[in-house]
Protein backbone atom coordinates (compact mmCIF):
# COMPACT_ATOMS: atom_id res chain seq x y z
CA MET A 1 -5.12 -51.70 -74.66
CA ASN A 2 -1.49 -50.47 -74.89
CA LYS A 3 -1.60 -48.93 -78.03
CA ALA A 4 -4.64 -46.83 -77.27
CA LEU A 5 -2.75 -45.86 -74.18
CA ALA A 6 0.49 -45.01 -75.77
CA SER A 7 -1.37 -42.56 -78.54
CA GLY A 8 -3.00 -40.93 -75.36
CA ILE A 9 0.04 -40.30 -73.93
CA ALA A 10 1.94 -38.92 -77.23
CA LEU A 11 -1.28 -36.26 -77.50
CA LEU A 12 -0.43 -35.20 -74.14
CA LYS A 13 3.22 -34.78 -74.74
CA ASP A 14 2.26 -32.94 -78.04
CA ARG A 15 0.11 -30.45 -75.98
CA ASP A 16 2.64 -29.63 -73.52
CA LEU A 17 0.20 -31.39 -70.92
CA TRP A 18 2.47 -34.56 -70.14
CA ARG A 19 3.42 -34.78 -66.68
CA SER A 20 6.66 -36.95 -65.35
CA ARG A 21 7.74 -37.57 -61.63
CA ARG A 22 10.43 -35.66 -60.09
CA THR A 23 11.94 -37.73 -57.05
CA VAL A 24 13.00 -35.82 -53.76
CA ALA A 25 15.86 -37.72 -51.86
CA SER A 26 15.93 -35.57 -48.95
CA GLN A 27 13.62 -34.13 -46.02
CA GLN A 28 10.54 -31.92 -47.34
CA GLY A 29 11.74 -28.22 -46.74
CA ARG A 30 12.89 -25.10 -47.88
CA LYS A 31 15.67 -26.63 -49.57
CA ILE A 32 15.57 -30.49 -51.26
CA LEU A 33 17.58 -32.74 -53.20
CA LEU A 34 15.52 -33.19 -56.40
CA ASP A 35 16.47 -35.18 -59.04
CA GLY A 36 20.01 -35.76 -57.37
CA ARG A 37 20.21 -31.89 -57.21
CA TRP A 38 19.78 -29.34 -54.30
CA VAL A 39 17.53 -26.64 -55.13
CA LEU A 40 15.43 -24.05 -53.54
CA ASN A 41 11.66 -25.24 -53.21
CA PHE A 42 8.70 -23.03 -53.76
CA CYS A 43 6.17 -24.91 -54.64
CA SER A 44 5.48 -26.93 -51.15
CA ASN A 45 2.20 -26.84 -49.26
CA ASP A 46 4.43 -27.43 -46.07
CA TYR A 47 3.36 -23.84 -45.39
CA LEU A 48 4.40 -23.63 -41.61
CA GLY A 49 7.33 -25.63 -42.12
CA LEU A 50 6.38 -28.77 -40.10
CA ALA A 51 6.87 -31.85 -42.20
CA ALA A 52 10.29 -32.34 -41.35
CA ASP A 53 10.11 -31.07 -37.51
CA PRO A 54 12.17 -33.43 -35.58
CA ARG A 55 8.98 -33.31 -32.80
CA LEU A 56 6.62 -34.75 -34.94
CA ALA A 57 9.24 -37.77 -35.75
CA GLU A 58 9.71 -37.98 -31.93
CA ALA A 59 5.80 -38.34 -31.74
CA VAL A 60 5.69 -40.82 -34.15
CA SER A 61 8.36 -42.66 -32.35
CA ARG A 62 6.78 -42.66 -29.46
CA ALA A 63 3.52 -44.05 -30.89
CA MET A 64 5.44 -46.78 -32.75
CA SER A 65 6.97 -47.99 -29.77
CA GLY A 66 3.31 -48.61 -27.85
CA ARG A 67 1.19 -49.47 -31.20
CA GLY A 68 3.37 -50.42 -33.95
CA PHE A 69 2.41 -48.63 -37.38
CA GLY A 70 -0.18 -50.02 -39.21
CA ALA A 71 -4.00 -49.79 -38.23
CA GLY A 72 -4.60 -53.21 -39.10
CA ALA A 73 -8.29 -52.63 -40.24
CA SER A 74 -11.09 -49.82 -40.48
CA ARG A 75 -11.99 -47.89 -37.63
CA LEU A 76 -15.37 -49.91 -37.34
CA VAL A 77 -13.83 -53.28 -37.44
CA CYS A 78 -11.01 -52.78 -35.15
CA GLY A 79 -8.58 -50.03 -36.27
CA ASP A 80 -10.02 -47.23 -33.62
CA PHE A 81 -7.17 -46.18 -31.80
CA ASP A 82 -7.22 -43.83 -28.82
CA GLU A 83 -4.51 -41.78 -30.84
CA HIS A 84 -7.29 -41.23 -33.52
CA ALA A 85 -9.86 -40.12 -30.95
CA ALA A 86 -7.51 -37.83 -29.20
CA LEU A 87 -6.70 -36.15 -32.48
CA GLU A 88 -10.42 -35.54 -33.45
CA ALA A 89 -10.84 -34.03 -29.73
CA ASP A 90 -7.92 -31.64 -30.62
CA ILE A 91 -9.16 -30.69 -33.82
CA ALA A 92 -12.78 -30.18 -32.25
CA SER A 93 -11.24 -27.95 -29.28
CA PHE A 94 -9.22 -25.94 -32.15
CA LYS A 95 -12.12 -25.38 -34.67
CA LYS A 96 -14.40 -24.99 -31.62
CA THR A 97 -17.13 -27.26 -32.92
CA GLU A 98 -18.34 -30.19 -31.09
CA ALA A 99 -16.64 -32.87 -32.65
CA ALA A 100 -14.61 -33.91 -35.56
CA LEU A 101 -13.99 -36.84 -37.79
CA LEU A 102 -10.77 -38.19 -39.17
CA PHE A 103 -10.44 -39.07 -42.99
CA SER A 104 -7.44 -40.93 -44.40
CA SER A 105 -6.85 -37.79 -47.01
CA GLY A 106 -8.73 -34.61 -48.33
CA TYR A 107 -9.89 -35.94 -51.49
CA MET A 108 -11.60 -39.10 -49.19
CA ALA A 109 -13.00 -36.37 -46.83
CA ASN A 110 -14.59 -34.31 -49.75
CA ALA A 111 -15.76 -37.40 -51.72
CA GLY A 112 -17.06 -39.13 -48.26
CA ILE A 113 -18.85 -35.81 -46.64
CA ILE A 114 -20.25 -35.20 -49.76
CA GLN A 115 -21.92 -38.71 -50.56
CA ALA A 116 -23.09 -38.86 -47.05
CA LEU A 117 -24.89 -35.81 -46.78
CA VAL A 118 -26.70 -35.59 -50.40
CA GLY A 119 -27.87 -38.05 -53.23
CA ARG A 120 -30.03 -38.27 -56.23
CA ASP A 121 -32.74 -35.91 -55.01
CA ASP A 122 -30.74 -33.28 -54.08
CA GLU A 123 -28.53 -30.02 -55.44
CA VAL A 124 -25.45 -29.09 -54.84
CA PHE A 125 -24.07 -25.60 -55.71
CA SER A 126 -20.09 -25.43 -56.16
CA ASP A 127 -17.81 -22.67 -57.17
CA ARG A 128 -16.14 -23.31 -60.42
CA LEU A 129 -13.15 -23.52 -59.41
CA ASN A 130 -13.45 -25.69 -56.51
CA HIS A 131 -10.77 -28.48 -55.90
CA ALA A 132 -11.27 -31.86 -58.18
CA SER A 133 -12.11 -33.72 -54.91
CA ILE A 134 -14.85 -31.59 -54.17
CA VAL A 135 -16.35 -31.90 -57.81
CA ASP A 136 -15.47 -35.75 -57.78
CA GLY A 137 -17.31 -36.07 -54.53
CA ILE A 138 -20.47 -34.44 -55.99
CA ILE A 139 -20.25 -36.89 -59.09
CA LEU A 140 -20.25 -39.66 -56.54
CA SER A 141 -22.91 -38.41 -54.40
CA ARG A 142 -25.16 -38.78 -57.80
CA ALA A 143 -26.78 -35.20 -56.90
CA VAL A 144 -27.39 -32.55 -59.41
CA MET A 145 -24.30 -30.40 -59.92
CA LYS A 146 -24.78 -26.43 -60.32
CA ARG A 147 -21.71 -24.83 -60.72
CA TYR A 148 -21.34 -20.94 -60.17
CA PRO A 149 -18.86 -18.55 -61.81
CA HIS A 150 -16.12 -18.24 -59.53
CA ASN A 151 -17.02 -16.01 -56.00
CA ASP A 152 -19.95 -15.10 -58.11
CA MET A 153 -22.59 -14.44 -55.39
CA ALA A 154 -25.45 -13.09 -57.62
CA ALA A 155 -25.06 -15.70 -59.80
CA LEU A 156 -25.16 -18.31 -56.86
CA GLU A 157 -28.37 -16.64 -55.59
CA ALA A 158 -29.93 -16.67 -59.06
CA LEU A 159 -29.44 -20.58 -58.93
CA LEU A 160 -31.00 -20.93 -55.35
CA ALA A 161 -33.38 -18.99 -55.89
CA ALA A 162 -34.68 -20.62 -59.23
CA GLY A 163 -37.89 -23.52 -58.65
CA THR A 164 -36.37 -26.77 -57.44
CA THR A 165 -37.83 -29.82 -56.16
CA ALA A 166 -34.74 -30.81 -54.42
CA ARG A 167 -34.98 -32.65 -51.19
CA ARG A 168 -31.58 -30.95 -49.75
CA LYS A 169 -29.53 -28.42 -50.97
CA LEU A 170 -25.48 -28.02 -50.53
CA ILE A 171 -23.31 -25.15 -51.20
CA VAL A 172 -19.63 -26.10 -51.09
CA THR A 173 -16.77 -24.02 -51.42
CA ASP A 174 -12.85 -23.89 -50.92
CA THR A 175 -12.05 -21.23 -48.64
CA ILE A 176 -8.80 -20.33 -49.95
CA PHE A 177 -8.70 -21.75 -53.53
CA SER A 178 -5.75 -23.88 -54.33
CA MET A 179 -4.31 -22.72 -57.83
CA ASP A 180 -5.56 -19.17 -57.47
CA GLY A 181 -4.95 -18.36 -53.84
CA ASP A 182 -7.62 -16.12 -53.58
CA VAL A 183 -10.43 -16.27 -50.64
CA ALA A 184 -14.17 -17.28 -50.62
CA PRO A 185 -16.50 -14.44 -49.36
CA LEU A 186 -17.90 -16.86 -46.49
CA ALA A 187 -19.88 -13.86 -44.79
CA GLU A 188 -22.04 -13.50 -48.12
CA LEU A 189 -21.94 -17.54 -48.57
CA VAL A 190 -23.48 -17.96 -44.70
CA VAL A 191 -26.09 -15.14 -45.63
CA LEU A 192 -27.34 -16.95 -49.00
CA ALA A 193 -27.35 -20.35 -47.13
CA ARG A 194 -29.76 -19.02 -44.57
CA ARG A 195 -32.25 -17.36 -46.98
CA TYR A 196 -32.62 -20.33 -49.49
CA GLY A 197 -32.46 -22.91 -46.56
CA ALA A 198 -29.44 -24.61 -47.84
CA TRP A 199 -26.56 -26.18 -45.87
CA LEU A 200 -23.03 -24.70 -46.39
CA MET A 201 -19.30 -26.82 -46.48
CA VAL A 202 -16.30 -25.22 -46.48
CA ASP A 203 -12.71 -27.08 -47.28
CA GLU A 204 -10.43 -25.30 -45.42
CA ALA A 205 -7.37 -27.14 -46.84
CA HIS A 206 -5.07 -24.38 -47.64
CA ALA A 207 -6.52 -21.86 -44.74
CA PHE A 208 -6.23 -24.47 -41.53
CA GLY A 209 -3.11 -23.31 -39.41
CA LEU A 210 -2.41 -19.75 -41.41
CA PHE A 211 -5.61 -17.63 -40.81
CA GLY A 212 -7.86 -16.60 -37.72
CA ALA A 213 -7.14 -15.50 -34.44
CA THR A 214 -5.54 -18.49 -33.27
CA GLY A 215 -4.76 -20.10 -37.09
CA ALA A 216 -7.94 -22.30 -37.03
CA GLY A 217 -9.04 -20.98 -40.85
CA LEU A 218 -10.90 -18.42 -42.74
CA ALA A 219 -13.76 -19.61 -40.87
CA GLU A 220 -12.39 -17.89 -37.78
CA GLU A 221 -10.73 -15.18 -39.26
CA THR A 222 -13.88 -13.84 -40.67
CA GLY A 223 -16.07 -14.42 -37.71
CA THR A 224 -18.53 -17.07 -39.82
CA ALA A 225 -17.43 -20.54 -38.08
CA GLY A 226 -20.38 -20.84 -35.85
CA GLU A 227 -22.74 -20.56 -39.11
CA ILE A 228 -21.09 -23.27 -41.13
CA ASP A 229 -22.82 -26.57 -41.18
CA VAL A 230 -19.42 -28.50 -42.16
CA GLN A 231 -15.93 -27.38 -41.77
CA MET A 232 -13.65 -29.89 -44.02
CA GLY A 233 -9.90 -29.53 -43.73
CA THR A 234 -6.21 -31.23 -44.19
CA LEU A 235 -3.72 -32.57 -42.19
CA SER A 236 -1.05 -32.51 -44.89
CA LYS A 237 -0.35 -28.78 -45.58
CA ALA A 238 0.10 -26.74 -42.64
CA VAL A 239 -0.11 -29.09 -40.16
CA GLY A 240 2.93 -31.09 -42.41
CA SER A 241 1.39 -34.23 -41.49
CA PHE A 242 -1.33 -36.70 -43.68
CA GLY A 243 -5.15 -37.12 -43.41
CA ALA A 244 -7.98 -34.67 -43.26
CA TYR A 245 -10.90 -33.98 -40.96
CA ALA A 246 -14.69 -32.95 -41.08
CA ALA A 247 -15.81 -30.69 -37.88
CA GLY A 248 -19.22 -29.96 -37.00
CA SER A 249 -21.60 -31.09 -34.80
CA GLN A 250 -21.79 -34.34 -32.82
CA VAL A 251 -24.57 -35.13 -35.08
CA LEU A 252 -22.82 -34.36 -38.15
CA VAL A 253 -19.91 -36.39 -37.07
CA ASP A 254 -22.41 -39.16 -36.13
CA HIS A 255 -24.11 -39.24 -39.34
CA LEU A 256 -20.61 -39.29 -41.40
CA TRP A 257 -19.82 -42.38 -38.89
CA ASN A 258 -22.94 -44.18 -40.40
CA ASN A 259 -22.34 -43.00 -43.90
CA ALA A 260 -19.42 -41.92 -45.35
CA ARG A 261 -18.11 -44.74 -47.15
CA SER A 262 -14.45 -43.69 -47.40
CA VAL A 263 -14.21 -43.72 -43.88
CA ILE A 264 -16.29 -46.88 -43.36
CA TYR A 265 -14.77 -48.78 -46.02
CA THR A 266 -11.06 -48.11 -45.80
CA THR A 267 -8.16 -49.32 -43.19
CA ALA A 268 -7.59 -46.32 -40.69
CA LEU A 269 -4.83 -43.76 -40.86
CA PRO A 270 -1.80 -45.42 -38.84
CA PRO A 271 -2.07 -44.11 -35.05
CA ALA A 272 1.54 -42.91 -35.25
CA VAL A 273 0.43 -40.72 -37.99
CA ALA A 274 -2.38 -39.47 -35.72
CA ALA A 275 0.36 -38.97 -33.34
CA ALA A 276 2.23 -36.53 -35.37
CA SER A 277 -0.62 -34.60 -36.56
CA ARG A 278 -1.62 -34.38 -32.72
CA GLU A 279 1.89 -32.92 -32.24
CA ALA A 280 1.90 -30.60 -35.28
CA VAL A 281 -1.47 -29.16 -34.05
CA ARG A 282 -0.15 -28.01 -30.53
CA ILE A 283 2.87 -26.56 -32.45
CA MET A 284 0.29 -24.60 -34.82
CA ARG A 285 -1.29 -23.33 -31.86
CA ALA A 286 1.73 -22.52 -29.64
CA GLU A 287 4.07 -20.83 -32.00
CA PRO A 288 1.77 -18.37 -34.01
CA GLN A 289 5.22 -16.56 -35.19
CA ARG A 290 5.12 -19.41 -37.81
CA ARG A 291 2.00 -18.28 -39.49
CA GLN A 292 2.87 -14.59 -39.15
CA ARG A 293 6.15 -15.22 -40.95
CA VAL A 294 4.80 -17.11 -44.02
CA LEU A 295 2.21 -14.27 -44.54
CA ALA A 296 4.64 -11.49 -44.30
CA SER A 297 6.96 -13.34 -46.64
CA ALA A 298 4.10 -14.12 -49.15
CA ALA A 299 2.95 -10.75 -48.97
CA PHE A 300 6.80 -9.32 -49.89
CA LEU A 301 7.24 -12.15 -52.61
CA ARG A 302 3.80 -11.38 -54.24
CA SER A 303 4.70 -7.54 -54.24
CA ALA A 304 8.32 -8.23 -55.44
CA LEU A 305 7.12 -10.55 -58.16
CA ARG A 306 4.36 -8.10 -59.70
CA SER A 307 7.19 -5.23 -59.36
CA LEU A 308 8.77 -7.21 -62.18
CA GLY A 309 5.90 -6.70 -64.08
CA LEU A 310 4.79 -10.17 -64.06
CA GLU A 311 1.08 -11.16 -64.02
CA VAL A 312 0.35 -12.00 -60.34
CA PRO A 313 -3.15 -11.30 -58.96
CA ALA A 314 -3.18 -9.35 -55.52
CA GLY A 315 -4.06 -11.61 -52.65
CA CYS A 316 -3.08 -12.36 -49.22
CA THR A 317 -2.03 -15.81 -49.06
CA PRO A 318 1.18 -17.88 -49.31
CA ILE A 319 -0.48 -19.25 -53.10
CA ILE A 320 1.13 -16.70 -55.68
CA PRO A 321 0.19 -17.69 -59.06
CA VAL A 322 2.34 -16.16 -61.90
CA GLN A 323 0.18 -16.37 -65.02
CA LEU A 324 1.61 -17.29 -68.23
CA GLY A 325 -0.84 -18.58 -70.34
CA SER A 326 -0.25 -21.14 -72.30
CA ALA A 327 1.14 -24.66 -70.94
CA LYS A 328 4.55 -24.51 -73.17
CA ARG A 329 5.47 -21.12 -71.58
CA ALA A 330 4.79 -22.29 -68.01
CA LEU A 331 6.82 -25.41 -68.91
CA THR A 332 9.72 -23.58 -70.26
CA TRP A 333 9.94 -21.01 -67.36
CA SER A 334 9.76 -23.71 -64.85
CA ARG A 335 12.74 -25.45 -66.33
CA ALA A 336 14.63 -22.22 -66.93
CA LEU A 337 14.03 -21.54 -62.81
CA LEU A 338 15.01 -25.01 -62.30
CA ASP A 339 18.17 -25.05 -64.18
CA LYS A 340 19.05 -21.59 -61.96
CA GLY A 341 18.40 -23.84 -58.73
CA ILE A 342 14.55 -22.63 -58.11
CA PHE A 343 11.82 -25.03 -58.24
CA VAL A 344 8.27 -24.21 -59.12
CA SER A 345 6.21 -26.20 -60.94
CA ALA A 346 4.12 -25.55 -64.13
CA ILE A 347 0.56 -26.09 -63.53
CA ARG A 348 -1.54 -26.91 -66.80
CA PRO A 349 -4.94 -27.89 -68.04
CA PRO A 350 -6.94 -30.01 -66.70
CA THR A 351 -5.76 -28.36 -63.41
CA VAL A 352 -6.48 -24.96 -64.32
CA PRO A 353 -8.48 -23.80 -67.45
CA ALA A 354 -7.28 -23.81 -71.06
CA GLY A 355 -4.97 -20.57 -71.59
CA THR A 356 -4.02 -19.91 -67.67
CA ALA A 357 -1.32 -22.15 -67.19
CA ARG A 358 0.76 -20.83 -64.43
CA LEU A 359 3.57 -21.18 -62.00
CA ARG A 360 2.10 -21.68 -58.68
CA VAL A 361 4.80 -20.08 -56.23
CA THR A 362 4.09 -21.18 -52.76
CA VAL A 363 5.79 -19.69 -49.55
CA THR A 364 6.70 -21.35 -46.37
CA ALA A 365 7.89 -20.02 -42.72
CA ALA A 366 11.05 -22.05 -43.49
CA HIS A 367 12.05 -19.68 -46.32
CA THR A 368 14.77 -16.97 -45.42
CA ASP A 369 14.95 -13.16 -46.71
CA ASP A 370 18.15 -14.19 -48.95
CA ASP A 371 15.70 -17.34 -50.02
CA LEU A 372 13.00 -14.97 -51.53
CA ALA A 373 15.63 -12.37 -52.82
CA LEU A 374 17.05 -15.19 -54.61
CA CYS A 375 13.86 -16.12 -56.13
CA VAL A 376 12.82 -12.51 -57.20
CA GLU A 377 16.30 -12.29 -58.83
CA THR A 378 16.09 -15.83 -60.67
CA PHE A 379 12.54 -14.76 -61.92
CA ARG A 380 13.83 -11.53 -63.30
CA LYS A 381 16.52 -13.29 -65.37
CA VAL A 382 14.14 -15.77 -66.85
CA MET A 383 12.04 -12.88 -67.89
CA ALA A 384 14.84 -10.82 -69.23
CA ASN A 385 15.96 -14.14 -70.86
CA GLU A 386 12.64 -14.84 -72.39
């Protein structure tokens, strides 16, 4: 076995696709202690800068004093705590849905929701750039997967209009695509779902806490929330905590309780983690200046990097991809930036298609104007020295 595995590792290294760990020995934030060195962090999903907020730590401490840490069992056995129910009520209120259900991670949410909704006799229509957890959820469901070109509504309609004997049709899309930072055309997706009798599920992982009048997500921003059957989102990005949720009708949540294997057959989130998420959601709603700050900073940085002549697509999100093409070039740039104190990870296949390796620059509310300026200047120096 070891010989075969070592051969595979050697092949990855030869193709510049080998991944190694980097260790953070500080709090998450704009500046982190990475492998023993302080660097500016421009690759975190902690968009609102809440991961190290002391109010979350205080919420954890209060919960642990009365509940301990571990949940002890799955929620359907004896691990269902009042903190879980309270967080679900908060999320449902925020998302303006009848109910919500917690999952232990975003990956488990997508896997569990899709598997619970569709099966062998069904079809799932998935954007080609959807997150891997969506793709894996479809595979686990054993439904027929039909992928459409990224954000191509004409292609999606052609697939939906084709003759089929499917019992159910489900359209699934990210609302903000995690590696490209662009947005899904939700209004058009709603129209197609209704026209062809399909259900619509959206993954708000990178939109929750950032978009909409109250920060509830892109569904709120586009006024489509009431037309979407399933809204999934994570608590590990803008919320700065851990876990995920499904929000929708009470019937949907009741169905997931009884059919989502990733809820039924796993230990519940620690109640203290749910308490931290509750506090973070409260802060998100009470401090809109955080999302205003991150979106303004992202607009500045995107424009500044484009002005250097870098290949950066237009957009409005804190995810700013700098397209470099080859995996080797992306690694070289990432290392050069890190040498100068700017941490940006190289994103390579299979996370992105071959030939589209990139640096995925992300901005948070914690970044200062000086941080942004230094990031731009460092990119300029690396570009000049290439």
